[in-house]
């Protein structure tokens, strides 16, 4: 059976920066494989395209340029916010405004957005709302462990059920 739409795919992989020798970003191993319903639009299109048609046991290695993954780093989404925005009852939680912390906030439409604290000054808090992998070329190596047909319920819900999926 081949990887494609409405297939549940189990795989292991290493994600590195730029190429096979780049810095390790993430490693997914056999004891907790990545199990995903393909074709529902929740993965990077370039990632799905690279795996389409592979069968269980197949190894893969491919790169995805930043422009086709999480985009280039955009300086226009770095903002200085007033410290009062981080206060609850007039107090900023101890340890919250530490450089490198990721804080979930809301955009003007009330949607959650994650930002990284870059700096804390008297003027405010400098936050970067770029995706953490923006501006980074991604390189994946791995192996397809299993491919199966998705159940009607999984297709209806848009995600995997059962072992390593949702609804345990």
N, C-alpha and C. Protein backbone atom coordinates (compact mmCIF):
# COMPACT_ATOMS: atom_id res chain seq x y z
N UNK A 1 0.84 -1.18 0.00
CA UNK A 1 0.00 0.00 0.00
C UNK A 1 0.89 1.25 0.00
N UNK A 2 0.47 2.25 -0.74
CA UNK A 2 1.28 3.46 -0.91
C UNK A 2 0.74 4.64 -0.11
N UNK A 3 1.66 5.53 0.30
CA UNK A 3 1.29 6.77 0.98
C UNK A 3 0.45 7.61 0.02
N UNK A 4 -0.67 8.13 0.50
CA UNK A 4 -1.52 8.99 -0.30
C UNK A 4 -2.69 9.48 0.53
N UNK A 5 -3.61 10.19 -0.11
CA UNK A 5 -4.77 10.73 0.59
C UNK A 5 -5.57 9.64 1.28
N UNK A 6 -6.05 9.95 2.46
CA UNK A 6 -6.87 9.06 3.27
C UNK A 6 -6.15 7.76 3.66
N UNK A 7 -4.84 7.84 3.75
CA UNK A 7 -4.03 6.75 4.28
C UNK A 7 -3.45 7.19 5.61
N UNK A 8 -3.41 6.27 6.57
CA UNK A 8 -2.75 6.53 7.83
C UNK A 8 -1.32 6.02 7.70
N UNK A 9 -0.38 6.92 7.92
CA UNK A 9 1.03 6.61 7.70
C UNK A 9 1.78 6.74 9.03
N UNK A 10 2.54 5.71 9.37
CA UNK A 10 3.43 5.73 10.54
C UNK A 10 4.85 5.85 10.01
N UNK A 11 5.61 6.78 10.57
CA UNK A 11 6.99 6.94 10.10
C UNK A 11 7.88 7.45 11.21
N UNK A 12 9.18 7.25 11.00
CA UNK A 12 10.19 7.82 11.88
C UNK A 12 11.02 8.76 11.02
N UNK A 13 11.62 9.76 11.66
CA UNK A 13 12.44 10.69 10.88
C UNK A 13 13.36 11.50 11.78
N UNK A 14 14.35 12.08 11.11
CA UNK A 14 15.18 13.12 11.71
C UNK A 14 14.97 14.36 10.86
N UNK A 15 14.79 15.49 11.54
CA UNK A 15 14.68 16.77 10.87
C UNK A 15 15.92 17.57 11.23
N UNK A 16 16.65 17.98 10.19
CA UNK A 16 17.87 18.76 10.39
C UNK A 16 17.78 20.08 9.62
N UNK A 17 18.63 21.00 10.03
CA UNK A 17 18.72 22.29 9.37
C UNK A 17 19.61 22.16 8.14
N UNK A 18 19.11 22.58 6.98
CA UNK A 18 19.83 22.68 5.70
C UNK A 18 20.11 21.37 4.98
N UNK A 19 20.80 20.40 5.63
CA UNK A 19 21.16 19.17 4.92
C UNK A 19 21.39 18.04 5.93
N UNK A 20 21.83 16.89 5.44
CA UNK A 20 22.00 15.71 6.30
C UNK A 20 23.00 15.93 7.42
N UNK A 21 23.88 16.92 7.29
CA UNK A 21 24.88 17.20 8.32
C UNK A 21 24.51 18.40 9.19
N UNK A 22 23.33 18.97 8.96
CA UNK A 22 22.92 20.17 9.70
C UNK A 22 22.55 19.87 11.14
N UNK A 23 22.31 20.94 11.88
CA UNK A 23 21.91 20.80 13.29
C UNK A 23 20.60 20.04 13.39
N UNK A 24 20.53 19.10 14.35
CA UNK A 24 19.32 18.32 14.57
C UNK A 24 18.25 19.20 15.20
N UNK A 25 17.07 19.24 14.57
CA UNK A 25 15.93 20.01 15.09
C UNK A 25 14.98 19.10 15.83
N UNK A 26 14.72 17.91 15.27
CA UNK A 26 13.75 16.99 15.88
C UNK A 26 14.08 15.57 15.44
N UNK A 27 13.84 14.61 16.35
CA UNK A 27 14.04 13.21 16.02
C UNK A 27 12.84 12.42 16.52
N UNK A 28 12.23 11.65 15.63
CA UNK A 28 11.08 10.82 15.97
C UNK A 28 11.50 9.37 15.78
N UNK A 29 11.40 8.57 16.87
CA UNK A 29 11.92 7.21 16.85
C UNK A 29 10.79 6.17 16.94
N UNK A 30 11.15 4.90 16.75
CA UNK A 30 10.17 3.81 16.66
C UNK A 30 9.28 3.66 17.88
N UNK A 31 9.79 4.01 19.07
CA UNK A 31 8.98 3.84 20.28
C UNK A 31 7.80 4.83 20.32
N UNK A 32 7.87 5.88 19.53
CA UNK A 32 6.78 6.86 19.45
C UNK A 32 6.77 7.47 18.05
N UNK A 33 6.39 6.65 17.05
CA UNK A 33 6.45 7.13 15.66
C UNK A 33 5.45 8.26 15.39
N UNK A 34 5.69 8.99 14.31
CA UNK A 34 4.76 10.01 13.83
C UNK A 34 3.69 9.27 13.04
N UNK A 35 2.43 9.37 13.49
CA UNK A 35 1.31 8.69 12.84
C UNK A 35 0.35 9.78 12.38
N UNK A 36 0.07 9.80 11.08
CA UNK A 36 -0.71 10.91 10.55
C UNK A 36 -1.65 10.46 9.43
N UNK A 37 -2.79 11.12 9.37
CA UNK A 37 -3.73 10.94 8.26
C UNK A 37 -3.31 11.88 7.14
N UNK A 38 -2.91 11.31 6.03
CA UNK A 38 -2.44 12.11 4.90
C UNK A 38 -3.60 12.66 4.08
N UNK A 39 -3.35 13.82 3.48
CA UNK A 39 -4.31 14.40 2.56
C UNK A 39 -5.37 15.29 3.18
N UNK A 40 -5.22 15.63 4.45
CA UNK A 40 -6.23 16.48 5.09
C UNK A 40 -5.76 17.93 5.23
N UNK A 41 -4.56 18.22 4.72
CA UNK A 41 -4.09 19.60 4.69
C UNK A 41 -3.45 20.10 5.97
N UNK A 42 -3.12 19.20 6.90
CA UNK A 42 -2.54 19.66 8.15
C UNK A 42 -1.00 19.57 8.16
N UNK A 43 -0.42 18.99 7.12
CA UNK A 43 1.04 18.92 7.02
C UNK A 43 1.51 19.89 5.93
N UNK A 44 2.80 20.18 5.97
CA UNK A 44 3.36 21.00 4.89
C UNK A 44 3.12 20.29 3.56
N UNK A 45 2.57 20.98 2.56
CA UNK A 45 2.34 20.33 1.26
C UNK A 45 3.61 19.70 0.68
N UNK A 46 4.75 20.36 0.82
CA UNK A 46 6.00 19.81 0.28
C UNK A 46 6.39 18.51 0.99
N UNK A 47 6.05 18.40 2.28
CA UNK A 47 6.34 17.17 3.04
C UNK A 47 5.46 16.03 2.52
N UNK A 48 4.16 16.28 2.37
CA UNK A 48 3.26 15.25 1.84
C UNK A 48 3.66 14.85 0.42
N UNK A 49 3.98 15.84 -0.41
CA UNK A 49 4.37 15.54 -1.81
C UNK A 49 5.59 14.64 -1.87
N UNK A 50 6.56 14.88 -0.97
CA UNK A 50 7.80 14.09 -0.99
C UNK A 50 7.56 12.64 -0.57
N UNK A 51 6.54 12.40 0.25
CA UNK A 51 6.28 11.04 0.74
C UNK A 51 5.23 10.30 -0.09
N UNK A 52 4.48 11.03 -0.90
CA UNK A 52 3.40 10.42 -1.71
C UNK A 52 3.95 9.27 -2.55
N UNK A 53 3.27 8.15 -2.50
CA UNK A 53 3.64 7.00 -3.33
C UNK A 53 4.64 6.05 -2.70
N UNK A 54 5.22 6.42 -1.55
CA UNK A 54 6.16 5.51 -0.88
C UNK A 54 5.38 4.39 -0.19
N UNK A 55 6.04 3.26 0.03
CA UNK A 55 5.42 2.11 0.69
C UNK A 55 6.12 1.83 2.01
N UNK A 56 5.49 1.02 2.86
CA UNK A 56 6.10 0.62 4.12
C UNK A 56 7.47 0.02 3.86
N UNK A 57 8.44 0.41 4.67
CA UNK A 57 9.81 -0.05 4.50
C UNK A 57 10.68 0.89 3.70
N UNK A 58 10.07 1.81 2.98
CA UNK A 58 10.83 2.74 2.14
C UNK A 58 11.53 3.79 3.00
N UNK A 59 12.76 4.10 2.65
CA UNK A 59 13.50 5.18 3.30
C UNK A 59 13.34 6.43 2.45
N UNK A 60 13.49 7.58 3.10
CA UNK A 60 13.39 8.84 2.36
C UNK A 60 14.40 9.84 2.89
N UNK A 61 14.77 10.77 2.04
CA UNK A 61 15.57 11.93 2.41
C UNK A 61 15.26 13.02 1.40
N UNK A 62 14.91 14.19 1.90
CA UNK A 62 14.58 15.31 1.03
C UNK A 62 14.67 16.62 1.80
N UNK A 63 14.88 17.68 1.07
CA UNK A 63 14.93 19.01 1.66
C UNK A 63 13.71 19.81 1.26
N UNK A 64 13.34 20.75 2.12
CA UNK A 64 12.28 21.70 1.83
C UNK A 64 12.83 23.09 2.11
N UNK A 65 12.93 23.94 1.08
CA UNK A 65 13.43 25.30 1.32
C UNK A 65 12.49 26.08 2.24
N UNK A 66 13.03 27.02 2.97
CA UNK A 66 12.25 27.82 3.92
C UNK A 66 11.00 28.41 3.26
N UNK A 67 11.12 28.87 2.03
CA UNK A 67 9.99 29.50 1.33
C UNK A 67 8.82 28.53 1.16
N UNK A 68 9.10 27.22 1.13
CA UNK A 68 8.04 26.22 0.94
C UNK A 68 7.64 25.55 2.26
N UNK A 69 8.25 25.96 3.36
CA UNK A 69 7.88 25.37 4.64
C UNK A 69 7.21 26.44 5.51
N UNK A 70 7.98 27.12 6.34
CA UNK A 70 7.38 28.10 7.26
C UNK A 70 7.70 29.54 6.86
N UNK A 71 8.18 29.71 5.63
CA UNK A 71 8.44 31.05 5.11
C UNK A 71 9.77 31.62 5.56
N UNK A 72 10.13 32.71 4.92
CA UNK A 72 11.35 33.41 5.30
C UNK A 72 11.10 34.16 6.60
N UNK A 73 12.16 34.47 7.32
CA UNK A 73 12.04 35.24 8.55
C UNK A 73 11.56 36.64 8.18
N UNK A 74 10.47 37.09 8.83
CA UNK A 74 9.85 38.37 8.49
C UNK A 74 10.05 39.37 9.63
N UNK A 75 10.89 40.40 9.41
CA UNK A 75 11.12 41.38 10.48
C UNK A 75 9.87 42.19 10.84
N UNK A 76 8.86 42.16 9.97
CA UNK A 76 7.64 42.93 10.23
C UNK A 76 6.74 42.30 11.30
N UNK A 77 7.06 41.08 11.74
CA UNK A 77 6.27 40.47 12.81
C UNK A 77 7.05 40.40 14.12
N UNK A 78 7.98 41.34 14.28
CA UNK A 78 8.67 41.54 15.55
C UNK A 78 8.14 42.85 16.11
N UNK A 79 7.56 42.79 17.30
CA UNK A 79 6.90 43.95 17.89
C UNK A 79 7.43 44.22 19.29
N UNK A 80 7.39 45.50 19.68
CA UNK A 80 7.62 45.87 21.06
C UNK A 80 6.26 46.12 21.69
N UNK A 81 5.94 45.33 22.71
CA UNK A 81 4.64 45.42 23.37
C UNK A 81 4.81 46.01 24.76
N UNK A 82 3.80 46.71 25.22
CA UNK A 82 3.85 47.28 26.56
C UNK A 82 3.85 46.17 27.60
N UNK A 83 4.66 46.37 28.65
CA UNK A 83 4.73 45.37 29.71
C UNK A 83 3.37 45.13 30.35
N UNK A 84 2.51 46.14 30.36
CA UNK A 84 1.20 45.99 31.00
C UNK A 84 0.36 44.90 30.33
N UNK A 85 0.67 44.58 29.05
CA UNK A 85 -0.06 43.52 28.35
C UNK A 85 0.18 42.15 28.98
N UNK A 86 1.24 42.03 29.78
CA UNK A 86 1.61 40.75 30.37
C UNK A 86 1.21 40.67 31.85
N UNK A 87 0.54 41.72 32.33
CA UNK A 87 0.15 41.76 33.73
C UNK A 87 -1.18 41.07 33.96
N UNK A 88 -1.27 40.40 35.08
CA UNK A 88 -2.54 39.86 35.56
C UNK A 88 -2.74 40.48 36.93
N UNK A 89 -3.82 41.23 37.09
CA UNK A 89 -4.09 41.98 38.32
C UNK A 89 -2.91 42.88 38.69
N UNK A 90 -2.32 43.52 37.66
CA UNK A 90 -1.26 44.50 37.87
C UNK A 90 0.12 43.92 38.10
N UNK A 91 0.26 42.59 38.00
CA UNK A 91 1.54 41.94 38.27
C UNK A 91 1.93 41.02 37.11
N UNK A 92 3.21 41.08 36.71
CA UNK A 92 3.73 40.15 35.70
C UNK A 92 4.21 38.90 36.43
N UNK A 93 3.74 37.74 35.96
CA UNK A 93 4.13 36.46 36.58
C UNK A 93 5.65 36.31 36.59
N UNK A 94 6.17 35.89 37.72
CA UNK A 94 7.61 35.67 37.88
C UNK A 94 8.12 34.70 36.82
N UNK A 95 9.20 35.06 36.12
CA UNK A 95 9.81 34.18 35.13
C UNK A 95 9.15 34.21 33.76
N UNK A 96 8.03 34.92 33.61
CA UNK A 96 7.34 34.94 32.31
C UNK A 96 8.15 35.66 31.24
N UNK A 97 8.66 36.84 31.58
CA UNK A 97 9.35 37.67 30.59
C UNK A 97 10.85 37.39 30.59
N UNK A 98 11.19 36.14 30.32
CA UNK A 98 12.59 35.73 30.19
C UNK A 98 12.91 35.60 28.71
N UNK A 99 14.08 36.06 28.29
CA UNK A 99 14.49 35.96 26.89
C UNK A 99 14.47 34.50 26.47
N UNK A 100 13.83 34.23 25.32
CA UNK A 100 13.72 32.88 24.79
C UNK A 100 12.42 32.19 25.14
N UNK A 101 11.66 32.73 26.11
CA UNK A 101 10.36 32.12 26.45
C UNK A 101 9.39 32.26 25.29
N UNK A 102 8.60 31.22 25.08
CA UNK A 102 7.51 31.28 24.11
C UNK A 102 6.22 31.58 24.88
N UNK A 103 5.50 32.60 24.42
CA UNK A 103 4.26 33.00 25.09
C UNK A 103 3.15 33.00 24.05
N UNK A 104 2.04 32.34 24.38
CA UNK A 104 0.88 32.35 23.49
C UNK A 104 0.04 33.58 23.80
N UNK A 105 -0.22 34.35 22.76
CA UNK A 105 -1.02 35.56 22.89
C UNK A 105 -2.18 35.47 21.90
N UNK A 106 -2.91 36.57 21.72
CA UNK A 106 -4.01 36.59 20.76
C UNK A 106 -3.78 37.69 19.75
N UNK A 107 -4.13 37.39 18.47
CA UNK A 107 -4.07 38.44 17.45
C UNK A 107 -5.34 39.29 17.54
N UNK A 108 -5.48 40.26 16.64
CA UNK A 108 -6.62 41.17 16.70
C UNK A 108 -7.96 40.47 16.49
N UNK A 109 -7.95 39.24 15.94
CA UNK A 109 -9.18 38.49 15.73
C UNK A 109 -9.44 37.46 16.84
N UNK A 110 -8.57 37.46 17.87
CA UNK A 110 -8.75 36.54 18.98
C UNK A 110 -8.13 35.18 18.76
N UNK A 111 -7.38 34.99 17.67
CA UNK A 111 -6.73 33.71 17.39
C UNK A 111 -5.42 33.61 18.17
N UNK A 112 -5.07 32.40 18.67
CA UNK A 112 -3.81 32.27 19.40
C UNK A 112 -2.61 32.40 18.46
N UNK A 113 -1.60 33.14 18.91
CA UNK A 113 -0.34 33.27 18.17
C UNK A 113 0.80 33.14 19.18
N UNK A 114 1.82 32.39 18.80
CA UNK A 114 2.96 32.19 19.68
C UNK A 114 4.05 33.18 19.34
N UNK A 115 4.62 33.78 20.37
CA UNK A 115 5.73 34.70 20.19
C UNK A 115 6.87 34.32 21.11
N UNK A 116 8.07 34.68 20.71
CA UNK A 116 9.27 34.42 21.50
C UNK A 116 9.76 35.75 22.06
N UNK A 117 10.07 35.79 23.35
CA UNK A 117 10.60 36.99 23.98
C UNK A 117 12.05 37.17 23.51
N UNK A 118 12.31 38.30 22.82
CA UNK A 118 13.67 38.59 22.36
C UNK A 118 14.41 39.50 23.32
N UNK A 119 13.68 40.43 23.95
CA UNK A 119 14.31 41.40 24.83
C UNK A 119 13.26 42.01 25.75
N UNK A 120 13.69 42.42 26.92
CA UNK A 120 12.82 43.12 27.87
C UNK A 120 13.55 44.41 28.25
N UNK A 121 12.90 45.55 27.96
CA UNK A 121 13.51 46.86 28.23
C UNK A 121 12.54 47.69 29.07
N UNK A 122 12.97 48.90 29.41
CA UNK A 122 12.07 49.81 30.12
C UNK A 122 10.88 50.18 29.24
N UNK A 123 11.11 50.21 27.91
CA UNK A 123 10.05 50.59 26.98
C UNK A 123 9.02 49.48 26.78
N UNK A 124 9.43 48.24 26.94
CA UNK A 124 8.48 47.15 26.74
C UNK A 124 9.16 45.82 26.48
N UNK A 125 8.39 44.92 25.89
CA UNK A 125 8.85 43.56 25.63
C UNK A 125 8.92 43.36 24.13
N UNK A 126 10.11 42.99 23.62
CA UNK A 126 10.28 42.74 22.20
C UNK A 126 9.93 41.28 21.93
N UNK A 127 8.92 41.08 21.07
CA UNK A 127 8.41 39.73 20.77
C UNK A 127 8.55 39.43 19.28
N UNK A 128 8.97 38.21 18.97
CA UNK A 128 9.08 37.73 17.59
C UNK A 128 7.97 36.73 17.34
N UNK A 129 7.07 37.07 16.40
CA UNK A 129 5.93 36.19 16.10
C UNK A 129 6.14 35.36 14.83
N UNK A 130 7.39 35.28 14.35
CA UNK A 130 7.70 34.35 13.27
C UNK A 130 7.57 32.93 13.80
N UNK A 131 7.24 31.97 12.90
CA UNK A 131 7.28 30.57 13.30
C UNK A 131 8.73 30.25 13.70
N UNK A 132 8.94 29.41 14.73
CA UNK A 132 10.32 29.11 15.15
C UNK A 132 11.21 28.56 14.03
N UNK A 133 10.61 27.94 12.99
CA UNK A 133 11.40 27.40 11.89
C UNK A 133 11.41 28.32 10.66
N UNK A 134 10.89 29.54 10.80
CA UNK A 134 10.91 30.49 9.66
C UNK A 134 12.36 30.79 9.30
N UNK A 135 12.61 30.86 8.00
CA UNK A 135 13.95 31.19 7.52
C UNK A 135 14.92 30.03 7.53
N UNK A 136 14.45 28.85 7.90
CA UNK A 136 15.32 27.67 7.99
C UNK A 136 14.95 26.68 6.89
N UNK A 137 15.95 26.24 6.12
CA UNK A 137 15.74 25.17 5.15
C UNK A 137 15.70 23.86 5.92
N UNK A 138 14.67 23.06 5.67
CA UNK A 138 14.47 21.81 6.41
C UNK A 138 14.99 20.62 5.60
N UNK A 139 15.54 19.63 6.30
CA UNK A 139 16.02 18.42 5.63
C UNK A 139 15.57 17.21 6.45
N UNK A 140 14.77 16.35 5.83
CA UNK A 140 14.22 15.17 6.48
C UNK A 140 14.89 13.90 5.98
N UNK A 141 15.20 12.98 6.89
CA UNK A 141 15.59 11.61 6.53
C UNK A 141 14.77 10.70 7.43
N UNK A 142 14.34 9.58 6.88
CA UNK A 142 13.55 8.68 7.70
C UNK A 142 13.10 7.45 6.96
N UNK A 143 12.08 6.80 7.54
CA UNK A 143 11.59 5.54 6.98
C UNK A 143 10.10 5.42 7.24
N UNK A 144 9.37 4.92 6.25
CA UNK A 144 7.95 4.63 6.39
C UNK A 144 7.83 3.29 7.11
N UNK A 145 7.11 3.26 8.24
CA UNK A 145 6.95 2.03 9.00
C UNK A 145 5.71 1.26 8.57
N UNK A 146 4.61 1.99 8.35
CA UNK A 146 3.33 1.33 8.05
C UNK A 146 2.45 2.29 7.26
N UNK A 147 1.66 1.73 6.35
CA UNK A 147 0.65 2.49 5.62
C UNK A 147 -0.63 1.65 5.66
N UNK A 148 -1.73 2.27 6.06
CA UNK A 148 -3.01 1.56 6.07
C UNK A 148 -4.11 2.51 5.60
N UNK A 149 -5.23 1.92 5.19
CA UNK A 149 -6.38 2.74 4.85
C UNK A 149 -6.94 3.37 6.12
N UNK A 150 -7.34 4.62 6.03
CA UNK A 150 -7.99 5.29 7.16
C UNK A 150 -9.41 4.76 7.27
N UNK A 151 -9.94 4.74 8.49
CA UNK A 151 -11.33 4.34 8.68
C UNK A 151 -12.23 5.50 8.27
N UNK A 152 -13.49 5.21 8.05
CA UNK A 152 -14.46 6.27 7.70
C UNK A 152 -14.52 7.32 8.80
N UNK A 153 -14.44 6.87 10.05
CA UNK A 153 -14.48 7.81 11.18
C UNK A 153 -13.26 8.72 11.19
N UNK A 154 -12.07 8.15 10.93
CA UNK A 154 -10.85 8.96 10.88
C UNK A 154 -10.94 10.00 9.78
N UNK A 155 -11.44 9.60 8.62
CA UNK A 155 -11.58 10.54 7.50
C UNK A 155 -12.57 11.64 7.88
N UNK A 156 -13.70 11.27 8.49
CA UNK A 156 -14.71 12.25 8.89
C UNK A 156 -14.15 13.23 9.92
N UNK A 157 -13.33 12.72 10.86
CA UNK A 157 -12.77 13.58 11.91
C UNK A 157 -11.52 14.31 11.46
N UNK A 158 -10.87 13.84 10.39
CA UNK A 158 -9.68 14.50 9.88
C UNK A 158 -8.40 14.20 10.64
N UNK A 159 -8.41 13.11 11.45
CA UNK A 159 -7.20 12.71 12.17
C UNK A 159 -7.26 11.23 12.53
N UNK A 160 -6.12 10.71 12.98
CA UNK A 160 -5.97 9.29 13.30
C UNK A 160 -6.57 8.97 14.66
N UNK A 161 -7.19 7.81 14.77
CA UNK A 161 -7.67 7.28 16.05
C UNK A 161 -6.83 6.06 16.40
N UNK A 162 -6.96 5.58 17.63
CA UNK A 162 -6.26 4.36 18.02
C UNK A 162 -4.83 4.60 18.46
N UNK A 163 -4.01 3.53 18.43
CA UNK A 163 -2.63 3.65 18.93
C UNK A 163 -1.88 4.78 18.23
N UNK A 164 -1.21 5.61 19.01
CA UNK A 164 -0.42 6.76 18.57
C UNK A 164 -1.27 7.86 17.94
N UNK A 165 -2.59 7.70 17.93
CA UNK A 165 -3.47 8.73 17.38
C UNK A 165 -4.26 9.38 18.49
N UNK A 166 -5.46 9.85 18.18
CA UNK A 166 -6.32 10.50 19.16
C UNK A 166 -7.34 9.51 19.70
N UNK A 167 -8.13 9.92 20.64
CA UNK A 167 -9.26 9.16 21.17
C UNK A 167 -8.84 7.80 21.74
N UNK A 168 -7.76 7.76 22.50
CA UNK A 168 -7.34 6.49 23.12
C UNK A 168 -8.38 6.03 24.10
